[in-house]
PDB file of N, CA and C in Angstrom:
ATOM      1  N   MET A   1      -9.935   2.904   5.922  1.00  0.00           N
ATOM      2  CA  MET A   1     -10.229   4.323   5.919  1.00  0.00           C
ATOM      3  C   MET A   1     -10.992   4.657   4.649  1.00  0.00           C
ATOM      4  N   ASN A   2     -12.165   5.186   4.769  1.00  0.00           N
ATOM      5  CA  ASN A   2     -12.979   5.563   3.623  1.00  0.00           C
ATOM      6  C   ASN A   2     -12.770   7.032   3.316  1.00  0.00           C
ATOM      7  N   LYS A   3     -12.765   7.322   2.046  1.00  0.00           N
ATOM      8  CA  LYS A   3     -12.543   8.690   1.631  1.00  0.00           C
ATOM      9  C   LYS A   3     -13.638   9.071   0.644  1.00  0.00           C
ATOM     10  N   ASP A   4     -14.517   9.982   1.032  1.00  0.00           N
ATOM     11  CA  ASP A   4     -15.601  10.421   0.172  1.00  0.00           C
ATOM     12  C   ASP A   4     -15.228  11.737  -0.488  1.00  0.00           C
ATOM     13  N   ILE A   5     -15.572  11.841  -1.746  1.00  0.00           N
ATOM     14  CA  ILE A   5     -15.352  13.079  -2.468  1.00  0.00           C
ATOM     15  C   ILE A   5     -16.728  13.582  -2.904  1.00  0.00           C
ATOM     16  N   PRO A   6     -17.328  14.480  -2.132  1.00  0.00           N
ATOM     17  CA  PRO A   6     -18.682  14.900  -2.447  1.00  0.00           C
ATOM     18  C   PRO A   6     -18.780  15.703  -3.741  1.00  0.00           C
ATOM     19  N   LYS A   7     -17.692  16.335  -4.170  1.00  0.00           N
ATOM     20  CA  LYS A   7     -17.726  17.160  -5.366  1.00  0.00           C
ATOM     21  C   LYS A   7     -18.101  16.327  -6.590  1.00  0.00           C
ATOM     22  N   PHE A   8     -17.523  15.136  -6.705  1.00  0.00           N
ATOM     23  CA  PHE A   8     -17.780  14.285  -7.851  1.00  0.00           C
ATOM     24  C   PHE A   8     -18.745  13.149  -7.516  1.00  0.00           C
ATOM     25  N   GLY A   9     -19.030  12.936  -6.252  1.00  0.00           N
ATOM     26  CA  GLY A   9     -19.951  11.900  -5.860  1.00  0.00           C
ATOM     27  C   GLY A   9     -19.374  10.500  -5.930  1.00  0.00           C
ATOM     28  N   SER A  10     -18.085  10.350  -6.080  1.00  0.00           N
ATOM     29  CA  SER A  10     -17.491   9.019  -6.149  1.00  0.00           C
ATOM     30  C   SER A  10     -17.006   8.594  -4.767  1.00  0.00           C
ATOM     31  N   HIS A  11     -16.820   7.327  -4.599  1.00  0.00           N
ATOM     32  CA  HIS A  11     -16.417   6.752  -3.320  1.00  0.00           C
ATOM     33  C   HIS A  11     -15.115   5.999  -3.519  1.00  0.00           C
ATOM     34  N   GLU A  12     -14.048   6.465  -2.907  1.00  0.00           N
ATOM     35  CA  GLU A  12     -12.746   5.832  -3.057  1.00  0.00           C
ATOM     36  C   GLU A  12     -12.310   5.278  -1.713  1.00  0.00           C
ATOM     37  N   VAL A  13     -11.675   4.104  -1.744  1.00  0.00           N
ATOM     38  CA  VAL A  13     -11.395   3.401  -0.503  1.00  0.00           C
ATOM     39  C   VAL A  13      -9.926   3.000  -0.438  1.00  0.00           C
ATOM     40  N   ILE A  14      -9.349   3.207   0.728  1.00  0.00           N
ATOM     41  CA  ILE A  14      -8.038   2.646   1.054  1.00  0.00           C
ATOM     42  C   ILE A  14      -8.285   1.637   2.158  1.00  0.00           C
ATOM     43  N   GLN A  15      -7.936   0.387   1.908  1.00  0.00           N
ATOM     44  CA  GLN A  15      -8.134  -0.664   2.895  1.00  0.00           C
ATOM     45  C   GLN A  15      -6.780  -1.106   3.429  1.00  0.00           C
ATOM     46  N   TYR A  16      -6.716  -1.312   4.736  1.00  0.00           N
ATOM     47  CA  TYR A  16      -5.508  -1.796   5.391  1.00  0.00           C
ATOM     48  C   TYR A  16      -5.796  -3.182   5.942  1.00  0.00           C
ATOM     49  N   VAL A  17      -4.993  -4.171   5.550  1.00  0.00           N
ATOM     50  CA  VAL A  17      -5.154  -5.542   6.029  1.00  0.00           C
ATOM     51  C   VAL A  17      -3.895  -5.914   6.805  1.00  0.00           C
ATOM     52  N   GLY A  18      -4.053  -6.394   8.025  1.00  0.00           N
ATOM     53  CA  GLY A  18      -2.926  -6.822   8.844  1.00  0.00           C
ATOM     54  C   GLY A  18      -2.180  -5.701   9.532  1.00  0.00           C
ATOM     55  N   VAL A  19      -2.584  -4.479   9.315  1.00  0.00           N
ATOM     56  CA  VAL A  19      -1.887  -3.338   9.906  1.00  0.00           C
ATOM     57  C   VAL A  19      -2.192  -3.241  11.396  1.00  0.00           C
ATOM     58  N   SER A  20      -3.349  -3.709  11.810  1.00  0.00           N
ATOM     59  CA  SER A  20      -3.714  -3.618  13.226  1.00  0.00           C
ATOM     60  C   SER A  20      -2.818  -4.482  14.108  1.00  0.00           C
ATOM     61  N   ALA A  21      -2.128  -5.469  13.527  1.00  0.00           N
ATOM     62  CA  ALA A  21      -1.221  -6.315  14.301  1.00  0.00           C
ATOM     63  C   ALA A  21       0.120  -5.625  14.561  1.00  0.00           C
ATOM     64  N   LEU A  22       0.372  -4.513  13.895  1.00  0.00           N
ATOM     65  CA  LEU A  22       1.630  -3.788  14.059  1.00  0.00           C
ATOM     66  C   LEU A  22       1.535  -2.827  15.236  1.00  0.00           C
ATOM     67  N   GLU A  23       2.678  -2.319  15.644  1.00  0.00           N
ATOM     68  CA  GLU A  23       2.729  -1.326  16.714  1.00  0.00           C
ATOM     69  C   GLU A  23       2.172   0.006  16.204  1.00  0.00           C
ATOM     70  N   PRO A  24       1.684   0.869  17.095  1.00  0.00           N
ATOM     71  CA  PRO A  24       1.082   2.138  16.648  1.00  0.00           C
ATOM     72  C   PRO A  24       2.026   3.013  15.820  1.00  0.00           C
ATOM     73  N   ALA A  25       3.295   3.051  16.152  1.00  0.00           N
ATOM     74  CA  ALA A  25       4.237   3.860  15.370  1.00  0.00           C
ATOM     75  C   ALA A  25       4.381   3.310  13.956  1.00  0.00           C
ATOM     76  N   GLU A  26       4.382   1.981  13.831  1.00  0.00           N
ATOM     77  CA  GLU A  26       4.474   1.347  12.521  1.00  0.00           C
ATOM     78  C   GLU A  26       3.206   1.588  11.711  1.00  0.00           C
ATOM     79  N   GLN A  27       2.057   1.598  12.381  1.00  0.00           N
ATOM     80  CA  GLN A  27       0.791   1.883  11.704  1.00  0.00           C
ATOM     81  C   GLN A  27       0.799   3.295  11.136  1.00  0.00           C
ATOM     82  N   ASP A  28       1.323   4.243  11.909  1.00  0.00           N
ATOM     83  CA  ASP A  28       1.383   5.636  11.455  1.00  0.00           C
ATOM     84  C   ASP A  28       2.273   5.774  10.231  1.00  0.00           C
ATOM     85  N   VAL A  29       3.397   5.049  10.209  1.00  0.00           N
ATOM     86  CA  VAL A  29       4.309   5.105   9.067  1.00  0.00           C
ATOM     87  C   VAL A  29       3.601   4.601   7.812  1.00  0.00           C
ATOM     88  N   ILE A  30       2.929   3.467   7.929  1.00  0.00           N
ATOM     89  CA  ILE A  30       2.238   2.897   6.770  1.00  0.00           C
ATOM     90  C   ILE A  30       1.129   3.825   6.299  1.00  0.00           C
ATOM     91  N   GLN A  31       0.340   4.361   7.210  1.00  0.00           N
ATOM     92  CA  GLN A  31      -0.776   5.217   6.816  1.00  0.00           C
ATOM     93  C   GLN A  31      -0.306   6.523   6.190  1.00  0.00           C
ATOM     94  N   SER A  32       0.729   7.125   6.726  1.00  0.00           N
ATOM     95  CA  SER A  32       1.194   8.397   6.163  1.00  0.00           C
ATOM     96  C   SER A  32       1.803   8.206   4.778  1.00  0.00           C
ATOM     97  N   LEU A  33       2.613   7.154   4.606  1.00  0.00           N
ATOM     98  CA  LEU A  33       3.211   6.913   3.289  1.00  0.00           C
ATOM     99  C   LEU A  33       2.156   6.476   2.276  1.00  0.00           C
ATOM    100  N   THR A  34       1.160   5.722   2.723  1.00  0.00           N
ATOM    101  CA  THR A  34       0.093   5.305   1.819  1.00  0.00           C
ATOM    102  C   THR A  34      -0.705   6.508   1.336  1.00  0.00           C
ATOM    103  N   GLN A  35      -1.013   7.436   2.215  1.00  0.00           N
ATOM    104  CA  GLN A  35      -1.735   8.649   1.817  1.00  0.00           C
ATOM    105  C   GLN A  35      -0.933   9.448   0.797  1.00  0.00           C
ATOM    106  N   GLU A  36       0.373   9.514   1.018  1.00  0.00           N
ATOM    107  CA  GLU A  36       1.245  10.258   0.114  1.00  0.00           C
ATOM    108  C   GLU A  36       1.240   9.633  -1.281  1.00  0.00           C
ATOM    109  N   TYR A  37       1.413   8.316  -1.344  1.00  0.00           N
ATOM    110  CA  TYR A  37       1.439   7.633  -2.632  1.00  0.00           C
ATOM    111  C   TYR A  37       0.050   7.521  -3.250  1.00  0.00           C
ATOM    112  N   TYR A  38      -0.993   7.507  -2.433  1.00  0.00           N
ATOM    113  CA  TYR A  38      -2.358   7.423  -2.942  1.00  0.00           C
ATOM    114  C   TYR A  38      -2.659   8.596  -3.865  1.00  0.00           C
ATOM    115  N   GLU A  39      -2.249   9.789  -3.466  1.00  0.00           N
ATOM    116  CA  GLU A  39      -2.489  10.974  -4.292  1.00  0.00           C
ATOM    117  C   GLU A  39      -1.761  10.868  -5.628  1.00  0.00           C
ATOM    118  N   LYS A  40      -0.537  10.345  -5.618  1.00  0.00           N
ATOM    119  CA  LYS A  40       0.226  10.191  -6.862  1.00  0.00           C
ATOM    120  C   LYS A  40      -0.423   9.167  -7.778  1.00  0.00           C
ATOM    121  N   ILE A  41      -0.839   8.048  -7.214  1.00  0.00           N
ATOM    122  CA  ILE A  41      -1.464   6.990  -8.009  1.00  0.00           C
ATOM    123  C   ILE A  41      -2.803   7.473  -8.557  1.00  0.00           C
ATOM    124  N   LYS A  42      -3.542   8.209  -7.756  1.00  0.00           N
ATOM    125  CA  LYS A  42      -4.838   8.724  -8.199  1.00  0.00           C
ATOM    126  C   LYS A  42      -4.670   9.676  -9.384  1.00  0.00           C
ATOM    127  N   ARG A  43      -3.612  10.470  -9.377  1.00  0.00           N
ATOM    128  CA  ARG A  43      -3.344  11.371 -10.508  1.00  0.00           C
ATOM    129  C   ARG A  43      -3.044  10.583 -11.776  1.00  0.00           C
ATOM    130  N   ASP A  44      -2.298   9.484 -11.649  1.00  0.00           N
ATOM    131  CA  ASP A  44      -1.923   8.693 -12.813  1.00  0.00           C
ATOM    132  C   ASP A  44      -3.079   7.860 -13.357  1.00  0.00           C
ATOM    133  N   MET A  45      -3.934   7.352 -12.477  1.00  0.00           N
ATOM    134  CA  MET A  45      -4.987   6.436 -12.887  1.00  0.00           C
ATOM    135  C   MET A  45      -6.266   7.151 -13.323  1.00  0.00           C
ATOM    136  N   HIS A  46      -6.596   8.273 -12.759  1.00  0.00           N
ATOM    137  CA  HIS A  46      -7.790   9.070 -13.033  1.00  0.00           C
ATOM    138  C   HIS A  46      -9.090   8.427 -12.571  1.00  0.00           C
ATOM    139  N   ASN A  47      -9.175   7.102 -12.473  1.00  0.00           N
ATOM    140  CA  ASN A  47     -10.417   6.469 -12.028  1.00  0.00           C
ATOM    141  C   ASN A  47     -10.113   5.312 -11.082  1.00  0.00           C
ATOM    142  N   LEU A  48      -9.293   5.572 -10.112  1.00  0.00           N
ATOM    143  CA  LEU A  48      -8.924   4.598  -9.095  1.00  0.00           C
ATOM    144  C   LEU A  48     -10.121   4.315  -8.203  1.00  0.00           C
ATOM    145  N   THR A  49     -10.419   3.034  -7.990  1.00  0.00           N
ATOM    146  CA  THR A  49     -11.569   2.713  -7.157  1.00  0.00           C
ATOM    147  C   THR A  49     -11.174   2.067  -5.840  1.00  0.00           C
ATOM    148  N   ASP A  50     -10.045   1.380  -5.780  1.00  0.00           N
ATOM    149  CA  ASP A  50      -9.706   0.639  -4.574  1.00  0.00           C
ATOM    150  C   ASP A  50      -8.195   0.517  -4.436  1.00  0.00           C
ATOM    151  N   LEU A  51      -7.700   0.693  -3.216  1.00  0.00           N
ATOM    152  CA  LEU A  51      -6.289   0.507  -2.904  1.00  0.00           C
ATOM    153  C   LEU A  51      -6.222  -0.333  -1.635  1.00  0.00           C
ATOM    154  N   VAL A  52      -5.580  -1.502  -1.724  1.00  0.00           N
ATOM    155  CA  VAL A  52      -5.496  -2.420  -0.593  1.00  0.00           C
ATOM    156  C   VAL A  52      -4.030  -2.564  -0.199  1.00  0.00           C
ATOM    157  N   VAL A  53      -3.724  -2.316   1.070  1.00  0.00           N
ATOM    158  CA  VAL A  53      -2.379  -2.462   1.610  1.00  0.00           C
ATOM    159  C   VAL A  53      -2.414  -3.604   2.623  1.00  0.00           C
ATOM    160  N   HIS A  54      -1.679  -4.680   2.335  1.00  0.00           N
ATOM    161  CA  HIS A  54      -1.642  -5.847   3.215  1.00  0.00           C
ATOM    162  C   HIS A  54      -0.235  -5.948   3.800  1.00  0.00           C
ATOM    163  N   ALA A  55      -0.132  -5.804   5.108  1.00  0.00           N
ATOM    164  CA  ALA A  55       1.167  -5.829   5.781  1.00  0.00           C
ATOM    165  C   ALA A  55       1.305  -7.100   6.600  1.00  0.00           C
ATOM    166  N   GLN A  56       2.485  -7.714   6.525  1.00  0.00           N
ATOM    167  CA  GLN A  56       2.792  -8.898   7.306  1.00  0.00           C
ATOM    168  C   GLN A  56       4.172  -8.725   7.926  1.00  0.00           C
ATOM    169  N   THR A  57       4.360  -9.340   9.092  1.00  0.00           N
ATOM    170  CA  THR A  57       5.670  -9.323   9.718  1.00  0.00           C
ATOM    171  C   THR A  57       6.086 -10.745  10.050  1.00  0.00           C
ATOM    172  N   SER A  58       7.370 -10.932  10.119  1.00  0.00           N
ATOM    173  CA  SER A  58       7.915 -12.206  10.578  1.00  0.00           C
ATOM    174  C   SER A  58       9.147 -11.883  11.407  1.00  0.00           C
ATOM    175  N   GLY A  59       9.510 -12.777  12.307  1.00  0.00           N
ATOM    176  CA  GLY A  59      10.685 -12.507  13.111  1.00  0.00           C
ATOM    177  C   GLY A  59      10.570 -12.946  14.551  1.00  0.00           C
ATOM    178  N   THR A  60       9.438 -13.454  14.961  1.00  0.00           N
ATOM    179  CA  THR A  60       9.323 -13.966  16.319  1.00  0.00           C
ATOM    180  C   THR A  60       9.073 -15.467  16.239  1.00  0.00           C
ATOM    181  N   VAL A  61       9.905 -16.232  16.906  1.00  0.00           N
ATOM    182  CA  VAL A  61       9.785 -17.684  16.905  1.00  0.00           C
ATOM    183  C   VAL A  61       9.759 -18.173  18.348  1.00  0.00           C
ATOM    184  N   GLU A  62       8.632 -18.653  18.805  1.00  0.00           N
ATOM    185  CA  GLU A  62       8.462 -19.239  20.136  1.00  0.00           C
ATOM    186  C   GLU A  62       9.060 -18.390  21.253  1.00  0.00           C
ATOM    187  N   GLY A  63       8.691 -17.138  21.297  1.00  0.00           N
ATOM    188  CA  GLY A  63       9.129 -16.268  22.376  1.00  0.00           C
ATOM    189  C   GLY A  63      10.473 -15.611  22.144  1.00  0.00           C
ATOM    190  N   LYS A  64      11.244 -16.108  21.211  1.00  0.00           N
ATOM    191  CA  LYS A  64      12.526 -15.484  20.893  1.00  0.00           C
ATOM    192  C   LYS A  64      12.279 -14.413  19.845  1.00  0.00           C
ATOM    193  N   THR A  65      12.770 -13.227  20.087  1.00  0.00           N
ATOM    194  CA  THR A  65      12.571 -12.160  19.118  1.00  0.00           C
ATOM    195  C   THR A  65      13.805 -12.020  18.251  1.00  0.00           C
ATOM    196  N   LYS A  66      13.563 -12.086  16.975  1.00  0.00           N
ATOM    197  CA  LYS A  66      14.606 -11.804  16.011  1.00  0.00           C
ATOM    198  C   LYS A  66      14.265 -10.462  15.381  1.00  0.00           C
ATOM    199  N   ARG A  67      15.061 -10.079  14.464  1.00  0.00           N
ATOM    200  CA  ARG A  67      14.812  -8.829  13.763  1.00  0.00           C
ATOM    201  C   ARG A  67      13.541  -8.969  12.919  1.00  0.00           C
ATOM    202  N   LYS A  68      12.635  -7.995  13.006  1.00  0.00           N
ATOM    203  CA  LYS A  68      11.384  -8.051  12.252  1.00  0.00           C
ATOM    204  C   LYS A  68      11.640  -7.856  10.767  1.00  0.00           C
ATOM    205  N   ARG A  69      10.944  -8.658   9.986  1.00  0.00           N
ATOM    206  CA  ARG A  69      10.991  -8.509   8.536  1.00  0.00           C
ATOM    207  C   ARG A  69       9.581  -8.160   8.074  1.00  0.00           C
ATOM    208  N   TYR A  70       9.449  -7.056   7.354  1.00  0.00           N
ATOM    209  CA  TYR A  70       8.149  -6.569   6.910  1.00  0.00           C
ATOM    210  C   TYR A  70       7.924  -6.972   5.458  1.00  0.00           C
ATOM    211  N   SER A  71       6.733  -7.451   5.181  1.00  0.00           N
ATOM    212  CA  SER A  71       6.347  -7.820   3.831  1.00  0.00           C
ATOM    213  C   SER A  71       5.061  -7.086   3.491  1.00  0.00           C
ATOM    214  N   LEU A  72       5.057  -6.341   2.395  1.00  0.00           N
ATOM    215  CA  LEU A  72       3.883  -5.581   1.994  1.00  0.00           C
ATOM    216  C   LEU A  72       3.384  -6.045   0.638  1.00  0.00           C
ATOM    217  N   HIS A  73       2.091  -6.209   0.538  1.00  0.00           N
ATOM    218  CA  HIS A  73       1.432  -6.550  -0.710  1.00  0.00           C
ATOM    219  C   HIS A  73       0.421  -5.448  -0.984  1.00  0.00           C
ATOM    220  N   ILE A  74       0.542  -4.814  -2.125  1.00  0.00           N
ATOM    221  CA  ILE A  74      -0.335  -3.701  -2.449  1.00  0.00           C
ATOM    222  C   ILE A  74      -1.088  -4.036  -3.734  1.00  0.00           C
ATOM    223  N   ARG A  75      -2.391  -3.753  -3.718  1.00  0.00           N
ATOM    224  CA  ARG A  75      -3.232  -4.010  -4.885  1.00  0.00           C
ATOM    225  C   ARG A  75      -3.987  -2.729  -5.220  1.00  0.00           C
ATOM    226  N   VAL A  76      -3.915  -2.339  -6.489  1.00  0.00           N
ATOM    227  CA  VAL A  76      -4.634  -1.174  -6.984  1.00  0.00           C
ATOM    228  C   VAL A  76      -5.665  -1.685  -7.982  1.00  0.00           C
ATOM    229  N   VAL A  77      -6.923  -1.295  -7.768  1.00  0.00           N
ATOM    230  CA  VAL A  77      -8.003  -1.758  -8.629  1.00  0.00           C
ATOM    231  C   VAL A  77      -8.672  -0.547  -9.264  1.00  0.00           C
ATOM    232  N   ALA A  78      -8.794  -0.606 -10.575  1.00  0.00           N
ATOM    233  CA  ALA A  78      -9.518   0.401 -11.336  1.00  0.00           C
ATOM    234  C   ALA A  78     -10.400  -0.355 -12.327  1.00  0.00           C
ATOM    235  N   PRO A  79     -11.400   0.272 -12.870  1.00  0.00           N
ATOM    236  CA  PRO A  79     -12.252  -0.435 -13.827  1.00  0.00           C
ATOM    237  C   PRO A  79     -11.442  -0.986 -14.999  1.00  0.00           C
ATOM    238  N   GLY A  80     -11.416  -2.292 -15.117  1.00  0.00           N
ATOM    239  CA  GLY A  80     -10.699  -2.939 -16.214  1.00  0.00           C
ATOM    240  C   GLY A  80      -9.224  -3.174 -15.975  1.00  0.00           C
ATOM    241  N   ARG A  81      -8.677  -2.678 -14.893  1.00  0.00           N
ATOM    242  CA  ARG A  81      -7.238  -2.819 -14.619  1.00  0.00           C
ATOM    243  C   ARG A  81      -7.007  -3.242 -13.178  1.00  0.00           C
ATOM    244  N   HIS A  82      -6.043  -4.129 -12.984  1.00  0.00           N
ATOM    245  CA  HIS A  82      -5.612  -4.546 -11.649  1.00  0.00           C
ATOM    246  C   HIS A  82      -4.090  -4.556 -11.631  1.00  0.00           C
ATOM    247  N   PHE A  83      -3.511  -3.940 -10.620  1.00  0.00           N
ATOM    248  CA  PHE A  83      -2.068  -3.928 -10.448  1.00  0.00           C
ATOM    249  C   PHE A  83      -1.746  -4.466  -9.066  1.00  0.00           C
ATOM    250  N   GLU A  84      -0.737  -5.350  -8.979  1.00  0.00           N
ATOM    251  CA  GLU A  84      -0.350  -5.920  -7.692  1.00  0.00           C
ATOM    252  C   GLU A  84       1.156  -5.827  -7.515  1.00  0.00           C
ATOM    253  N   SER A  85       1.550  -5.533  -6.305  1.00  0.00           N
ATOM    254  CA  SER A  85       2.955  -5.494  -5.928  1.00  0.00           C
ATOM    255  C   SER A  85       3.144  -6.434  -4.746  1.00  0.00           C
ATOM    256  N   SER A  86       3.972  -7.450  -4.920  1.00  0.00           N
ATOM    257  CA  SER A  86       4.167  -8.392  -3.813  1.00  0.00           C
ATOM    258  C   SER A  86       5.636  -8.742  -3.627  1.00  0.00           C
ATOM    259  N   LYS A  87       6.520  -8.018  -4.276  1.00  0.00           N
ATOM    260  CA  LYS A  87       7.941  -8.359  -4.213  1.00  0.00           C
ATOM    261  C   LYS A  87       8.713  -7.579  -3.165  1.00  0.00           C
ATOM    262  N   SER A  88       8.024  -6.802  -2.356  1.00  0.00           N
ATOM    263  CA  SER A  88       8.770  -5.965  -1.428  1.00  0.00           C
ATOM    264  C   SER A  88       8.722  -6.530  -0.019  1.00  0.00           C
ATOM    265  N   ASP A  89       9.870  -6.858   0.480  1.00  0.00           N
ATOM    266  CA  ASP A  89      10.014  -7.195   1.884  1.00  0.00           C
ATOM    267  C   ASP A  89      11.377  -6.691   2.315  1.00  0.00           C
ATOM    268  N   ASP A  90      11.413  -6.168   3.536  1.00  0.00           N
ATOM    269  CA  ASP A  90      12.640  -5.551   4.013  1.00  0.00           C
ATOM    270  C   ASP A  90      12.613  -5.527   5.529  1.00  0.00           C
ATOM    271  N   TYR A  91      13.775  -5.267   6.111  1.00  0.00           N
ATOM    272  CA  TYR A  91      13.875  -5.153   7.562  1.00  0.00           C
ATOM    273  C   TYR A  91      13.456  -3.778   8.055  1.00  0.00           C
ATOM    274  N   GLU A  92      13.429  -2.792   7.165  1.00  0.00           N
ATOM    275  CA  GLU A  92      12.999  -1.444   7.526  1.00  0.00           C
ATOM    276  C   GLU A  92      11.641  -1.181   6.896  1.00  0.00           C
ATOM    277  N   LEU A  93      10.683  -0.813   7.695  1.00  0.00           N
ATOM    278  CA  LEU A  93       9.307  -0.621   7.229  1.00  0.00           C
ATOM    279  C   LEU A  93       9.179   0.470   6.166  1.00  0.00           C
ATOM    280  N   PRO A  94       9.726   1.660   6.360  1.00  0.00           N
ATOM    281  CA  PRO A  94       9.561   2.692   5.316  1.00  0.00           C
ATOM    282  C   PRO A  94      10.150   2.263   3.969  1.00  0.00           C
ATOM    283  N   ARG A  95      11.271   1.576   4.009  1.00  0.00           N
ATOM    284  CA  ARG A  95      11.886   1.112   2.768  1.00  0.00           C
ATOM    285  C   ARG A  95      10.991   0.096   2.063  1.00  0.00           C
ATOM    286  N   ALA A  96      10.357  -0.798   2.820  1.00  0.00           N
ATOM    287  CA  ALA A  96       9.450  -1.794   2.236  1.00  0.00           C
ATOM    288  C   ALA A  96       8.235  -1.110   1.603  1.00  0.00           C
ATOM    289  N   VAL A  97       7.712  -0.091   2.270  1.00  0.00           N
ATOM    290  CA  VAL A  97       6.557   0.632   1.734  1.00  0.00           C
ATOM    291  C   VAL A  97       6.938   1.350   0.446  1.00  0.00           C
ATOM    292  N   HIS A  98       8.079   2.028   0.449  1.00  0.00           N
ATOM    293  CA  HIS A  98       8.529   2.740  -0.743  1.00  0.00           C
ATOM    294  C   HIS A  98       8.763   1.772  -1.900  1.00  0.00           C
ATOM    295  N   LYS A  99       9.381   0.624  -1.634  1.00  0.00           N
ATOM    296  CA  LYS A  99       9.637  -0.356  -2.688  1.00  0.00           C
ATOM    297  C   LYS A  99       8.353  -0.818  -3.353  1.00  0.00           C
ATOM    298  N   SER A 100       7.361  -1.147  -2.539  1.00  0.00           N
ATOM    299  CA  SER A 100       6.129  -1.681  -3.110  1.00  0.00           C
ATOM    300  C   SER A 100       5.358  -0.611  -3.880  1.00  0.00           C
ATOM    301  N   PHE A 101       5.317   0.613  -3.379  1.00  0.00           N
ATOM    302  CA  PHE A 101       4.607   1.665  -4.116  1.00  0.00           C
ATOM    303  C   PHE A 101       5.360   2.077  -5.377  1.00  0.00           C
ATOM    304  N   GLU A 102       6.685   2.022  -5.354  1.00  0.00           N
ATOM    305  CA  GLU A 102       7.441   2.334  -6.572  1.00  0.00           C
ATOM    306  C   GLU A 102       7.214   1.262  -7.628  1.00  0.00           C
ATOM    307  N   GLU A 103       7.080   0.009  -7.202  1.00  0.00           N
ATOM    308  CA  GLU A 103       6.774  -1.058  -8.154  1.00  0.00           C
ATOM    309  C   GLU A 103       5.392  -0.846  -8.776  1.00  0.00           C
ATOM    310  N   ILE A 104       4.405  -0.483  -7.966  1.00  0.00           N
ATOM    311  CA  ILE A 104       3.061  -0.193  -8.475  1.00  0.00           C
ATOM    312  C   ILE A 104       3.106   0.976  -9.460  1.00  0.00           C
ATOM    313  N   SER A 105       3.838   2.025  -9.117  1.00  0.00           N
ATOM    314  CA  SER A 105       3.942   3.191  -9.996  1.00  0.00           C
ATOM    315  C   SER A 105       4.584   2.823 -11.323  1.00  0.00           C
ATOM    316  N   ALA A 106       5.588   1.957 -11.290  1.00  0.00           N
ATOM    317  CA  ALA A 106       6.230   1.515 -12.527  1.00  0.00           C
ATOM    318  C   ALA A 106       5.276   0.689 -13.377  1.00  0.00           C
ATOM    319  N   GLN A 107       4.479  -0.161 -12.754  1.00  0.00           N
ATOM    320  CA  GLN A 107       3.501  -0.952 -13.500  1.00  0.00           C
ATOM    321  C   GLN A 107       2.447  -0.057 -14.149  1.00  0.00           C
ATOM    322  N   ILE A 108       1.998   0.959 -13.429  1.00  0.00           N
ATOM    323  CA  ILE A 108       0.995   1.876 -13.976  1.00  0.00           C
ATOM    324  C   ILE A 108       1.591   2.668 -15.131  1.00  0.00           C
ATOM    325  N   ALA A 109       2.811   3.141 -14.951  1.00  0.00           N
ATOM    326  CA  ALA A 109       3.468   3.902 -16.025  1.00  0.00           C
ATOM    327  C   ALA A 109       3.663   3.024 -17.264  1.00  0.00           C
ATOM    328  N   HIS A 110       4.020   1.793 -17.072  1.00  0.00           N
ATOM    329  CA  HIS A 110       4.214   0.876 -18.197  1.00  0.00           C
ATOM    330  C   HIS A 110       2.872   0.594 -18.895  1.00  0.00           C
ATOM    331  N   ALA A 111       1.821   0.420 -18.136  1.00  0.00           N
ATOM    332  CA  ALA A 111       0.520   0.111 -18.720  1.00  0.00           C
ATOM    333  C   ALA A 111      -0.047   1.291 -19.523  1.00  0.00           C
ATOM    334  N   PHE A 112       0.209   2.494 -19.042  1.00  0.00           N
ATOM    335  CA  PHE A 112      -0.317   3.676 -19.715  1.00  0.00           C
ATOM    336  C   PHE A 112       0.732   4.384 -20.569  1.00  0.00           C
ATOM    337  N   LYS A 113       1.942   3.832 -20.646  1.00  0.00           N
ATOM    338  CA  LYS A 113       3.036   4.356 -21.469  1.00  0.00           C
ATOM    339  C   LYS A 113       3.304   5.824 -21.213  1.00  0.00           C
ATOM    340  N   LYS A 114       3.468   6.170 -19.930  1.00  0.00           N
ATOM    341  CA  LYS A 114       3.735   7.568 -19.593  1.00  0.00           C
ATOM    342  C   LYS A 114       5.226   7.781 -19.519  1.00  0.00           C
TER     343      LYS A 114
END
């Protein structure tokens, strides 16, 4: 999803990787929570250029369905700074999304000493 801000002329991008393999309801959850956290991260960073959300699932083995486990990897790129969150995996999708974005927010706060 591309997001243009004509007022300042900058181009900011949110990229979703692996989200198309999820069910539509799961895609909506990821996109809505990402938009919510994107605004918070943008306020903290001031010059955010790229946000990448990579979603993976596991839980199906040769036709047998087990409980789905969601793994999210989030990368925030700004000029001179890169932040990555890869420690969040959970059986509940919203909880996994919140965990990974809270980790990113903590890294940004630590880097900028807010």
